[in-house]
Amino acid sequence: MKLPKGFGGQGIGGYMQQAKAAMARAQNLEQELQAERINIDKGPVKAVFNGQGELVSVSIDKSVVDPDDIEALEDLIVGCMKDGFTKAVELRNERLSEIMPNIPGVGGLGL
């Protein structure tokens, strides 16, 4: 029987050690992501997200608060929200790939 890539010469024992180490790190991942800060700057609209994609703060410059052009402000806010969430997902994926780089099958899950 051919073993999956990543088992190498370690056998099942080595794989289990890798899996245990990955699980230990994964248990702390949510706390790590909660502590991360992602700054998004759309000029007059700035936002800070944590690594879980939650909005921490938002700042809007008075110059873009125009009662006759609310749509422009709304577009800037939506752009900040999208960018913040996208960056948080990228950060999570990066951290997951650090935790589980050699575990067969995990890389293709798109986590």
PDB file of N, CA and C in Angstrom:
ATOM      1  N   MET A   1       0.842  -1.174   0.000  1.00  0.00           N
ATOM      2  CA  MET A   1       0.000   0.000   0.000  1.00  0.00           C
ATOM      3  C   MET A   1       0.890   1.240   0.000  1.00  0.00           C
ATOM      4  N   LYS A   2       0.575   2.162  -0.854  1.00  0.00           N
ATOM      5  CA  LYS A   2       1.331   3.405  -0.953  1.00  0.00           C
ATOM      6  C   LYS A   2       0.748   4.423   0.023  1.00  0.00           C
ATOM      7  N   LEU A   3       1.617   5.012   0.846  1.00  0.00           N
ATOM      8  CA  LEU A   3       1.162   6.009   1.822  1.00  0.00           C
ATOM      9  C   LEU A   3       0.993   7.355   1.151  1.00  0.00           C
ATOM     10  N   PRO A   4       0.061   8.164   1.650  1.00  0.00           N
ATOM     11  CA  PRO A   4      -0.145   9.501   1.080  1.00  0.00           C
ATOM     12  C   PRO A   4       1.092  10.373   1.244  1.00  0.00           C
ATOM     13  N   LYS A   5       1.211  11.326   0.346  1.00  0.00           N
ATOM     14  CA  LYS A   5       2.308  12.285   0.422  1.00  0.00           C
ATOM     15  C   LYS A   5       2.248  12.988   1.770  1.00  0.00           C
ATOM     16  N   GLY A   6       3.396  13.198   2.395  1.00  0.00           N
ATOM     17  CA  GLY A   6       3.430  13.852   3.690  1.00  0.00           C
ATOM     18  C   GLY A   6       3.705  12.866   4.811  1.00  0.00           C
ATOM     19  N   PHE A   7       3.501  11.575   4.549  1.00  0.00           N
ATOM     20  CA  PHE A   7       3.812  10.587   5.562  1.00  0.00           C
ATOM     21  C   PHE A   7       5.325  10.379   5.625  1.00  0.00           C
ATOM     22  N   GLY A   8       5.981  10.522   4.472  1.00  0.00           N
ATOM     23  CA  GLY A   8       7.433  10.380   4.425  1.00  0.00           C
ATOM     24  C   GLY A   8       7.869   9.095   5.089  1.00  0.00           C
ATOM     25  N   GLY A   9       9.037   9.114   5.714  1.00  0.00           N
ATOM     26  CA  GLY A   9       9.550   7.943   6.416  1.00  0.00           C
ATOM     27  C   GLY A   9       9.098   7.922   7.854  1.00  0.00           C
ATOM     28  N   GLN A  10       8.232   8.803   8.245  1.00  0.00           N
ATOM     29  CA  GLN A  10       7.836   8.925   9.640  1.00  0.00           C
ATOM     30  C   GLN A  10       6.853   7.838  10.065  1.00  0.00           C
ATOM     31  N   GLY A  11       6.127   7.291   9.143  1.00  0.00           N
ATOM     32  CA  GLY A  11       5.117   6.308   9.480  1.00  0.00           C
ATOM     33  C   GLY A  11       3.950   6.941  10.215  1.00  0.00           C
ATOM     34  N   ILE A  12       3.094   6.086  10.736  1.00  0.00           N
ATOM     35  CA  ILE A  12       1.883   6.548  11.413  1.00  0.00           C
ATOM     36  C   ILE A  12       2.217   7.341  12.671  1.00  0.00           C
ATOM     37  N   GLY A  13       3.228   6.935  13.424  1.00  0.00           N
ATOM     38  CA  GLY A  13       3.607   7.641  14.656  1.00  0.00           C
ATOM     39  C   GLY A  13       4.006   9.080  14.391  1.00  0.00           C
ATOM     40  N   GLY A  14       4.781   9.302  13.336  1.00  0.00           N
ATOM     41  CA  GLY A  14       5.192  10.658  12.977  1.00  0.00           C
ATOM     42  C   GLY A  14       4.014  11.494  12.536  1.00  0.00           C
ATOM     43  N   TYR A  15       3.110  10.878  11.810  1.00  0.00           N
ATOM     44  CA  TYR A  15       1.908  11.573  11.360  1.00  0.00           C
ATOM     45  C   TYR A  15       1.060  11.982  12.560  1.00  0.00           C
ATOM     46  N   MET A  16       0.923  11.094  13.525  1.00  0.00           N
ATOM     47  CA  MET A  16       0.123  11.391  14.714  1.00  0.00           C
ATOM     48  C   MET A  16       0.746  12.536  15.514  1.00  0.00           C
ATOM     49  N   GLN A  17       2.070  12.563  15.603  1.00  0.00           N
ATOM     50  CA  GLN A  17       2.739  13.669  16.298  1.00  0.00           C
ATOM     51  C   GLN A  17       2.444  14.988  15.594  1.00  0.00           C
ATOM     52  N   GLN A  18       2.532  14.974  14.268  1.00  0.00           N
ATOM     53  CA  GLN A  18       2.226  16.178  13.485  1.00  0.00           C
ATOM     54  C   GLN A  18       0.789  16.622  13.727  1.00  0.00           C
ATOM     55  N   ALA A  19      -0.120  15.677  13.731  1.00  0.00           N
ATOM     56  CA  ALA A  19      -1.529  15.994  13.912  1.00  0.00           C
ATOM     57  C   ALA A  19      -1.784  16.572  15.300  1.00  0.00           C
ATOM     58  N   LYS A  20      -1.142  16.013  16.326  1.00  0.00           N
ATOM     59  CA  LYS A  20      -1.317  16.531  17.686  1.00  0.00           C
ATOM     60  C   LYS A  20      -0.778  17.950  17.807  1.00  0.00           C
ATOM     61  N   ALA A  21       0.387  18.205  17.209  1.00  0.00           N
ATOM     62  CA  ALA A  21       0.961  19.556  17.250  1.00  0.00           C
ATOM     63  C   ALA A  21       0.059  20.539  16.515  1.00  0.00           C
ATOM     64  N   ALA A  22      -0.488  20.117  15.386  1.00  0.00           N
ATOM     65  CA  ALA A  22      -1.387  20.982  14.621  1.00  0.00           C
ATOM     66  C   ALA A  22      -2.658  21.278  15.421  1.00  0.00           C
ATOM     67  N   MET A  23      -3.195  20.300  16.099  1.00  0.00           N
ATOM     68  CA  MET A  23      -4.400  20.506  16.904  1.00  0.00           C
ATOM     69  C   MET A  23      -4.136  21.476  18.056  1.00  0.00           C
ATOM     70  N   ALA A  24      -2.992  21.350  18.691  1.00  0.00           N
ATOM     71  CA  ALA A  24      -2.651  22.253  19.794  1.00  0.00           C
ATOM     72  C   ALA A  24      -2.577  23.690  19.295  1.00  0.00           C
ATOM     73  N   ARG A  25      -1.938  23.885  18.153  1.00  0.00           N
ATOM     74  CA  ARG A  25      -1.834  25.246  17.599  1.00  0.00           C
ATOM     75  C   ARG A  25      -3.195  25.747  17.125  1.00  0.00           C
ATOM     76  N   ALA A  26      -3.998  24.872  16.541  1.00  0.00           N
ATOM     77  CA  ALA A  26      -5.313  25.269  16.044  1.00  0.00           C
ATOM     78  C   ALA A  26      -6.227  25.712  17.181  1.00  0.00           C
ATOM     79  N   GLN A  27      -6.062  25.119  18.354  1.00  0.00           N
ATOM     80  CA  GLN A  27      -6.889  25.514  19.491  1.00  0.00           C
ATOM     81  C   GLN A  27      -6.627  26.964  19.885  1.00  0.00           C
ATOM     82  N   ASN A  28      -5.426  27.453  19.636  1.00  0.00           N
ATOM     83  CA  ASN A  28      -5.085  28.837  19.973  1.00  0.00           C
ATOM     84  C   ASN A  28      -5.339  29.794  18.821  1.00  0.00           C
ATOM     85  N   LEU A  29      -5.661  29.275  17.650  1.00  0.00           N
ATOM     86  CA  LEU A  29      -5.800  30.110  16.461  1.00  0.00           C
ATOM     87  C   LEU A  29      -6.862  31.190  16.624  1.00  0.00           C
ATOM     88  N   GLU A  30      -8.013  30.842  17.154  1.00  0.00           N
ATOM     89  CA  GLU A  30      -9.083  31.827  17.297  1.00  0.00           C
ATOM     90  C   GLU A  30      -8.659  32.982  18.198  1.00  0.00           C
ATOM     91  N   GLN A  31      -7.949  32.680  19.273  1.00  0.00           N
ATOM     92  CA  GLN A  31      -7.464  33.735  20.164  1.00  0.00           C
ATOM     93  C   GLN A  31      -6.428  34.601  19.458  1.00  0.00           C
ATOM     94  N   GLU A  32      -5.547  33.975  18.692  1.00  0.00           N
ATOM     95  CA  GLU A  32      -4.553  34.727  17.924  1.00  0.00           C
ATOM     96  C   GLU A  32      -5.234  35.661  16.933  1.00  0.00           C
ATOM     97  N   LEU A  33      -6.237  35.151  16.216  1.00  0.00           N
ATOM     98  CA  LEU A  33      -6.944  35.955  15.228  1.00  0.00           C
ATOM     99  C   LEU A  33      -7.719  37.087  15.899  1.00  0.00           C
ATOM    100  N   GLN A  34      -8.281  36.831  17.063  1.00  0.00           N
ATOM    101  CA  GLN A  34      -9.020  37.855  17.798  1.00  0.00           C
ATOM    102  C   GLN A  34      -8.101  39.024  18.155  1.00  0.00           C
ATOM    103  N   ALA A  35      -6.836  38.729  18.451  1.00  0.00           N
ATOM    104  CA  ALA A  35      -5.878  39.763  18.857  1.00  0.00           C
ATOM    105  C   ALA A  35      -5.271  40.520  17.670  1.00  0.00           C
ATOM    106  N   GLU A  36      -5.344  39.948  16.475  1.00  0.00           N
ATOM    107  CA  GLU A  36      -4.783  40.601  15.283  1.00  0.00           C
ATOM    108  C   GLU A  36      -5.566  41.859  14.932  1.00  0.00           C
ATOM    109  N   ARG A  37      -4.900  42.811  14.317  1.00  0.00           N
ATOM    110  CA  ARG A  37      -5.574  44.022  13.849  1.00  0.00           C
ATOM    111  C   ARG A  37      -5.251  44.232  12.380  1.00  0.00           C
ATOM    112  N   ILE A  38      -6.291  44.456  11.588  1.00  0.00           N
ATOM    113  CA  ILE A  38      -6.168  44.685  10.153  1.00  0.00           C
ATOM    114  C   ILE A  38      -6.677  46.092   9.878  1.00  0.00           C
ATOM    115  N   ASN A  39      -5.804  46.947   9.393  1.00  0.00           N
ATOM    116  CA  ASN A  39      -6.166  48.336   9.100  1.00  0.00           C
ATOM    117  C   ASN A  39      -6.544  48.480   7.631  1.00  0.00           C
ATOM    118  N   ILE A  40      -7.704  49.050   7.384  1.00  0.00           N
ATOM    119  CA  ILE A  40      -8.181  49.301   6.024  1.00  0.00           C
ATOM    120  C   ILE A  40      -8.308  50.809   5.863  1.00  0.00           C
ATOM    121  N   ASP A  41      -7.706  51.335   4.792  1.00  0.00           N
ATOM    122  CA  ASP A  41      -7.704  52.777   4.558  1.00  0.00           C
ATOM    123  C   ASP A  41      -8.266  53.062   3.173  1.00  0.00           C
ATOM    124  N   LYS A  42      -9.446  53.631   3.150  1.00  0.00           N
ATOM    125  CA  LYS A  42     -10.090  54.028   1.894  1.00  0.00           C
ATOM    126  C   LYS A  42     -10.088  55.555   1.786  1.00  0.00           C
ATOM    127  N   GLY A  43      -9.010  56.179   2.230  1.00  0.00           N
ATOM    128  CA  GLY A  43      -8.924  57.634   2.203  1.00  0.00           C
ATOM    129  C   GLY A  43      -9.699  58.232   3.359  1.00  0.00           C
ATOM    130  N   PRO A  44     -10.849  58.822   3.087  1.00  0.00           N
ATOM    131  CA  PRO A  44     -11.612  59.453   4.159  1.00  0.00           C
ATOM    132  C   PRO A  44     -12.334  58.461   5.083  1.00  0.00           C
ATOM    133  N   VAL A  45     -12.383  57.191   4.699  1.00  0.00           N
ATOM    134  CA  VAL A  45     -13.000  56.172   5.546  1.00  0.00           C
ATOM    135  C   VAL A  45     -11.930  55.136   5.896  1.00  0.00           C
ATOM    136  N   LYS A  46     -11.761  54.948   7.188  1.00  0.00           N
ATOM    137  CA  LYS A  46     -10.780  53.987   7.689  1.00  0.00           C
ATOM    138  C   LYS A  46     -11.483  53.039   8.649  1.00  0.00           C
ATOM    139  N   ALA A  47     -11.045  51.798   8.644  1.00  0.00           N
ATOM    140  CA  ALA A  47     -11.644  50.814   9.537  1.00  0.00           C
ATOM    141  C   ALA A  47     -10.560  49.888  10.070  1.00  0.00           C
ATOM    142  N   VAL A  48     -10.826  49.322  11.232  1.00  0.00           N
ATOM    143  CA  VAL A  48      -9.935  48.333  11.834  1.00  0.00           C
ATOM    144  C   VAL A  48     -10.772  47.094  12.103  1.00  0.00           C
ATOM    145  N   PHE A  49     -10.254  45.954  11.664  1.00  0.00           N
ATOM    146  CA  PHE A  49     -10.898  44.659  11.865  1.00  0.00           C
ATOM    147  C   PHE A  49      -9.970  43.781  12.686  1.00  0.00           C
ATOM    148  N   ASN A  50     -10.536  42.794  13.357  1.00  0.00           N
ATOM    149  CA  ASN A  50      -9.671  41.785  13.959  1.00  0.00           C
ATOM    150  C   ASN A  50      -9.501  40.658  12.938  1.00  0.00           C
ATOM    151  N   GLY A  51      -8.665  39.690  13.262  1.00  0.00           N
ATOM    152  CA  GLY A  51      -8.373  38.604  12.342  1.00  0.00           C
ATOM    153  C   GLY A  51      -9.524  37.657  12.102  1.00  0.00           C
ATOM    154  N   GLN A  52     -10.608  37.820  12.852  1.00  0.00           N
ATOM    155  CA  GLN A  52     -11.802  37.006  12.642  1.00  0.00           C
ATOM    156  C   GLN A  52     -12.786  37.703  11.714  1.00  0.00           C
ATOM    157  N   GLY A  53     -12.432  38.897  11.242  1.00  0.00           N
ATOM    158  CA  GLY A  53     -13.292  39.627  10.328  1.00  0.00           C
ATOM    159  C   GLY A  53     -14.304  40.520  11.013  1.00  0.00           C
ATOM    160  N   GLU A  54     -14.160  40.689  12.325  1.00  0.00           N
ATOM    161  CA  GLU A  54     -15.093  41.541  13.062  1.00  0.00           C
ATOM    162  C   GLU A  54     -14.608  42.990  13.020  1.00  0.00           C
ATOM    163  N   LEU A  55     -15.532  43.908  12.815  1.00  0.00           N
ATOM    164  CA  LEU A  55     -15.215  45.328  12.803  1.00  0.00           C
ATOM    165  C   LEU A  55     -14.906  45.778  14.225  1.00  0.00           C
ATOM    166  N   VAL A  56     -13.734  46.399  14.402  1.00  0.00           N
ATOM    167  CA  VAL A  56     -13.309  46.885  15.708  1.00  0.00           C
ATOM    168  C   VAL A  56     -13.591  48.382  15.824  1.00  0.00           C
ATOM    169  N   SER A  57     -13.283  49.119  14.759  1.00  0.00           N
ATOM    170  CA  SER A  57     -13.555  50.558  14.768  1.00  0.00           C
ATOM    171  C   SER A  57     -13.668  51.076  13.345  1.00  0.00           C
ATOM    172  N   VAL A  58     -14.315  52.228  13.212  1.00  0.00           N
ATOM    173  CA  VAL A  58     -14.443  52.879  11.919  1.00  0.00           C
ATOM    174  C   VAL A  58     -14.303  54.385  12.142  1.00  0.00           C
ATOM    175  N   SER A  59     -13.673  55.034  11.188  1.00  0.00           N
ATOM    176  CA  SER A  59     -13.468  56.474  11.254  1.00  0.00           C
ATOM    177  C   SER A  59     -13.863  57.079   9.908  1.00  0.00           C
ATOM    178  N   ILE A  60     -14.699  58.115   9.965  1.00  0.00           N
ATOM    179  CA  ILE A  60     -15.173  58.762   8.742  1.00  0.00           C
ATOM    180  C   ILE A  60     -14.823  60.245   8.814  1.00  0.00           C
ATOM    181  N   ASP A  61     -14.088  60.719   7.828  1.00  0.00           N
ATOM    182  CA  ASP A  61     -13.725  62.134   7.753  1.00  0.00           C
ATOM    183  C   ASP A  61     -14.961  62.963   7.419  1.00  0.00           C
ATOM    184  N   LYS A  62     -15.097  64.103   8.089  1.00  0.00           N
ATOM    185  CA  LYS A  62     -16.260  64.978   7.877  1.00  0.00           C
ATOM    186  C   LYS A  62     -16.419  65.413   6.419  1.00  0.00           C
ATOM    187  N   SER A  63     -15.296  65.485   5.711  1.00  0.00           N
ATOM    188  CA  SER A  63     -15.341  65.998   4.339  1.00  0.00           C
ATOM    189  C   SER A  63     -16.206  65.153   3.406  1.00  0.00           C
ATOM    190  N   VAL A  64     -16.446  63.881   3.739  1.00  0.00           N
ATOM    191  CA  VAL A  64     -17.249  63.024   2.862  1.00  0.00           C
ATOM    192  C   VAL A  64     -18.695  62.879   3.339  1.00  0.00           C
ATOM    193  N   VAL A  65     -19.040  63.592   4.384  1.00  0.00           N
ATOM    194  CA  VAL A  65     -20.410  63.547   4.876  1.00  0.00           C
ATOM    195  C   VAL A  65     -21.190  64.661   4.185  1.00  0.00           C
ATOM    196  N   ASP A  66     -21.778  64.295   3.058  1.00  0.00           N
ATOM    197  CA  ASP A  66     -22.538  65.233   2.250  1.00  0.00           C
ATOM    198  C   ASP A  66     -23.969  64.709   2.149  1.00  0.00           C
ATOM    199  N   PRO A  67     -24.923  65.420   2.756  1.00  0.00           N
ATOM    200  CA  PRO A  67     -26.309  64.941   2.719  1.00  0.00           C
ATOM    201  C   PRO A  67     -26.860  64.766   1.303  1.00  0.00           C
ATOM    202  N   ASP A  68     -26.261  65.459   0.342  1.00  0.00           N
ATOM    203  CA  ASP A  68     -26.730  65.336  -1.037  1.00  0.00           C
ATOM    204  C   ASP A  68     -26.051  64.190  -1.794  1.00  0.00           C
ATOM    205  N   ASP A  69     -25.050  63.555  -1.170  1.00  0.00           N
ATOM    206  CA  ASP A  69     -24.330  62.463  -1.840  1.00  0.00           C
ATOM    207  C   ASP A  69     -24.007  61.348  -0.841  1.00  0.00           C
ATOM    208  N   ILE A  70     -25.025  60.836  -0.225  1.00  0.00           N
ATOM    209  CA  ILE A  70     -24.875  59.757   0.744  1.00  0.00           C
ATOM    210  C   ILE A  70     -24.326  58.495   0.080  1.00  0.00           C
ATOM    211  N   GLU A  71     -24.659  58.279  -1.189  1.00  0.00           N
ATOM    212  CA  GLU A  71     -24.225  57.060  -1.885  1.00  0.00           C
ATOM    213  C   GLU A  71     -22.708  56.940  -1.945  1.00  0.00           C
ATOM    214  N   ALA A  72     -21.993  58.045  -2.117  1.00  0.00           N
ATOM    215  CA  ALA A  72     -20.529  58.002  -2.165  1.00  0.00           C
ATOM    216  C   ALA A  72     -19.973  57.509  -0.830  1.00  0.00           C
ATOM    217  N   LEU A  73     -20.517  58.007   0.250  1.00  0.00           N
ATOM    218  CA  LEU A  73     -20.090  57.571   1.579  1.00  0.00           C
ATOM    219  C   LEU A  73     -20.425  56.100   1.800  1.00  0.00           C
ATOM    220  N   GLU A  74     -21.610  55.709   1.392  1.00  0.00           N
ATOM    221  CA  GLU A  74     -22.011  54.304   1.518  1.00  0.00           C
ATOM    222  C   GLU A  74     -21.065  53.396   0.745  1.00  0.00           C
ATOM    223  N   ASP A  75     -20.666  53.811  -0.458  1.00  0.00           N
ATOM    224  CA  ASP A  75     -19.738  53.014  -1.266  1.00  0.00           C
ATOM    225  C   ASP A  75     -18.388  52.870  -0.568  1.00  0.00           C
ATOM    226  N   LEU A  76     -17.907  53.947   0.030  1.00  0.00           N
ATOM    227  CA  LEU A  76     -16.633  53.885   0.750  1.00  0.00           C
ATOM    228  C   LEU A  76     -16.716  52.933   1.943  1.00  0.00           C
ATOM    229  N   ILE A  77     -17.828  52.992   2.654  1.00  0.00           N
ATOM    230  CA  ILE A  77     -18.006  52.114   3.821  1.00  0.00           C
ATOM    231  C   ILE A  77     -18.100  50.655   3.386  1.00  0.00           C
ATOM    232  N   VAL A  78     -18.867  50.387   2.350  1.00  0.00           N
ATOM    233  CA  VAL A  78     -18.985  49.014   1.844  1.00  0.00           C
ATOM    234  C   VAL A  78     -17.620  48.498   1.383  1.00  0.00           C
ATOM    235  N   GLY A  79     -16.847  49.347   0.700  1.00  0.00           N
ATOM    236  CA  GLY A  79     -15.501  48.949   0.264  1.00  0.00           C
ATOM    237  C   GLY A  79     -14.610  48.592   1.437  1.00  0.00           C
ATOM    238  N   CYS A  80     -14.674  49.368   2.504  1.00  0.00           N
ATOM    239  CA  CYS A  80     -13.896  49.065   3.721  1.00  0.00           C
ATOM    240  C   CYS A  80     -14.306  47.723   4.302  1.00  0.00           C
ATOM    241  N   MET A  81     -15.612  47.497   4.384  1.00  0.00           N
ATOM    242  CA  MET A  81     -16.114  46.252   4.973  1.00  0.00           C
ATOM    243  C   MET A  81     -15.656  45.036   4.155  1.00  0.00           C
ATOM    244  N   LYS A  82     -15.788  45.136   2.838  1.00  0.00           N
ATOM    245  CA  LYS A  82     -15.366  44.026   1.971  1.00  0.00           C
ATOM    246  C   LYS A  82     -13.870  43.756   2.114  1.00  0.00           C
ATOM    247  N   ASP A  83     -13.067  44.819   2.075  1.00  0.00           N
ATOM    248  CA  ASP A  83     -11.617  44.653   2.181  1.00  0.00           C
ATOM    249  C   ASP A  83     -11.221  44.058   3.528  1.00  0.00           C
ATOM    250  N   GLY A  84     -11.855  44.524   4.588  1.00  0.00           N
ATOM    251  CA  GLY A  84     -11.539  44.007   5.923  1.00  0.00           C
ATOM    252  C   GLY A  84     -11.848  42.537   6.045  1.00  0.00           C
ATOM    253  N   PHE A  85     -13.004  42.129   5.556  1.00  0.00           N
ATOM    254  CA  PHE A  85     -13.382  40.722   5.625  1.00  0.00           C
ATOM    255  C   PHE A  85     -12.461  39.868   4.757  1.00  0.00           C
ATOM    256  N   THR A  86     -12.152  40.350   3.549  1.00  0.00           N
ATOM    257  CA  THR A  86     -11.264  39.611   2.647  1.00  0.00           C
ATOM    258  C   THR A  86      -9.890  39.413   3.272  1.00  0.00           C
ATOM    259  N   LYS A  87      -9.343  40.464   3.856  1.00  0.00           N
ATOM    260  CA  LYS A  87      -8.016  40.361   4.487  1.00  0.00           C
ATOM    261  C   LYS A  87      -8.050  39.417   5.681  1.00  0.00           C
ATOM    262  N   ALA A  88      -9.147  39.414   6.436  1.00  0.00           N
ATOM    263  CA  ALA A  88      -9.270  38.501   7.572  1.00  0.00           C
ATOM    264  C   ALA A  88      -9.294  37.046   7.096  1.00  0.00           C
ATOM    265  N   VAL A  89     -10.012  36.776   6.017  1.00  0.00           N
ATOM    266  CA  VAL A  89     -10.056  35.417   5.462  1.00  0.00           C
ATOM    267  C   VAL A  89      -8.666  35.000   4.981  1.00  0.00           C
ATOM    268  N   GLU A  90      -7.961  35.909   4.309  1.00  0.00           N
ATOM    269  CA  GLU A  90      -6.603  35.611   3.849  1.00  0.00           C
ATOM    270  C   GLU A  90      -5.679  35.314   5.030  1.00  0.00           C
ATOM    271  N   LEU A  91      -5.797  36.095   6.099  1.00  0.00           N
ATOM    272  CA  LEU A  91      -4.969  35.876   7.292  1.00  0.00           C
ATOM    273  C   LEU A  91      -5.267  34.516   7.901  1.00  0.00           C
ATOM    274  N   ARG A  92      -6.542  34.174   8.020  1.00  0.00           N
ATOM    275  CA  ARG A  92      -6.923  32.861   8.573  1.00  0.00           C
ATOM    276  C   ARG A  92      -6.354  31.731   7.719  1.00  0.00           C
ATOM    277  N   ASN A  93      -6.482  31.844   6.402  1.00  0.00           N
ATOM    278  CA  ASN A  93      -5.961  30.806   5.512  1.00  0.00           C
ATOM    279  C   ASN A  93      -4.448  30.676   5.627  1.00  0.00           C
ATOM    280  N   GLU A  94      -3.776  31.811   5.745  1.00  0.00           N
ATOM    281  CA  GLU A  94      -2.321  31.807   5.906  1.00  0.00           C
ATOM    282  C   GLU A  94      -1.931  31.082   7.198  1.00  0.00           C
ATOM    283  N   ARG A  95      -2.624  31.404   8.277  1.00  0.00           N
ATOM    284  CA  ARG A  95      -2.323  30.770   9.568  1.00  0.00           C
ATOM    285  C   ARG A  95      -2.628  29.277   9.536  1.00  0.00           C
ATOM    286  N   LEU A  96      -3.729  28.895   8.892  1.00  0.00           N
ATOM    287  CA  LEU A  96      -4.062  27.475   8.784  1.00  0.00           C
ATOM    288  C   LEU A  96      -3.008  26.718   7.978  1.00  0.00           C
ATOM    289  N   SER A  97      -2.493  27.341   6.922  1.00  0.00           N
ATOM    290  CA  SER A  97      -1.479  26.655   6.122  1.00  0.00           C
ATOM    291  C   SER A  97      -0.171  26.529   6.899  1.00  0.00           C
ATOM    292  N   GLU A  98       0.097  27.444   7.836  1.00  0.00           N
ATOM    293  CA  GLU A  98       1.282  27.322   8.698  1.00  0.00           C
ATOM    294  C   GLU A  98       1.108  26.173   9.681  1.00  0.00           C
ATOM    295  N   ILE A  99      -0.120  26.020  10.183  1.00  0.00           N
ATOM    296  CA  ILE A  99      -0.401  24.994  11.179  1.00  0.00           C
ATOM    297  C   ILE A  99      -0.374  23.602  10.563  1.00  0.00           C
ATOM    298  N   MET A 100      -0.953  23.458   9.369  1.00  0.00           N
ATOM    299  CA  MET A 100      -1.134  22.132   8.781  1.00  0.00           C
ATOM    300  C   MET A 100      -0.517  22.002   7.392  1.00  0.00           C
ATOM    301  N   PRO A 101       0.775  22.328   7.226  1.00  0.00           N
ATOM    302  CA  PRO A 101       1.341  22.284   5.885  1.00  0.00           C
ATOM    303  C   PRO A 101       1.565  20.886   5.332  1.00  0.00           C
ATOM    304  N   ASN A 102       1.804  19.911   6.186  1.00  0.00           N
ATOM    305  CA  ASN A 102       2.176  18.583   5.710  1.00  0.00           C
ATOM    306  C   ASN A 102       1.150  17.506   6.015  1.00  0.00           C
ATOM    307  N   ILE A 103      -0.039  17.897   6.414  1.00  0.00           N
ATOM    308  CA  ILE A 103      -1.046  16.890   6.713  1.00  0.00           C
ATOM    309  C   ILE A 103      -1.810  16.590   5.429  1.00  0.00           C
ATOM    310  N   PRO A 104      -1.767  15.341   4.968  1.00  0.00           N
ATOM    311  CA  PRO A 104      -2.388  14.986   3.687  1.00  0.00           C
ATOM    312  C   PRO A 104      -3.857  15.374   3.635  1.00  0.00           C
ATOM    313  N   GLY A 105      -4.251  15.961   2.500  1.00  0.00           N
ATOM    314  CA  GLY A 105      -5.641  16.266   2.256  1.00  0.00           C
ATOM    315  C   GLY A 105      -6.085  17.627   2.773  1.00  0.00           C
ATOM    316  N   VAL A 106      -5.432  18.188   3.758  1.00  0.00           N
ATOM    317  CA  VAL A 106      -5.879  19.453   4.348  1.00  0.00           C
ATOM    318  C   VAL A 106      -5.649  20.615   3.407  1.00  0.00           C
ATOM    319  N   GLY A 107      -4.543  20.605   2.684  1.00  0.00           N
ATOM    320  CA  GLY A 107      -4.239  21.708   1.791  1.00  0.00           C
ATOM    321  C   GLY A 107      -5.285  21.954   0.722  1.00  0.00           C
ATOM    322  N   GLY A 108      -5.990  20.917   0.306  1.00  0.00           N
ATOM    323  CA  GLY A 108      -6.976  21.050  -0.738  1.00  0.00           C
ATOM    324  C   GLY A 108      -8.381  21.373  -0.249  1.00  0.00           C
ATOM    325  N   LEU A 109      -8.535  21.577   1.060  1.00  0.00           N
ATOM    326  CA  LEU A 109      -9.867  21.823   1.598  1.00  0.00           C
ATOM    327  C   LEU A 109     -10.338  23.249   1.401  1.00  0.00           C
ATOM    328  N   GLY A 110      -9.414  24.153   1.117  1.00  0.00           N
ATOM    329  CA  GLY A 110      -9.790  25.545   0.923  1.00  0.00           C
ATOM    330  C   GLY A 110     -10.220  26.220   2.205  1.00  0.00           C
ATOM    331  N   LEU A 111      -9.648  25.812   3.309  1.00  0.00           N
ATOM    332  CA  LEU A 111      -9.994  26.416   4.610  1.00  0.00           C
ATOM    333  C   LEU A 111      -9.426  27.802   4.730  1.00  0.00           C
TER     334      LEU A 111
END
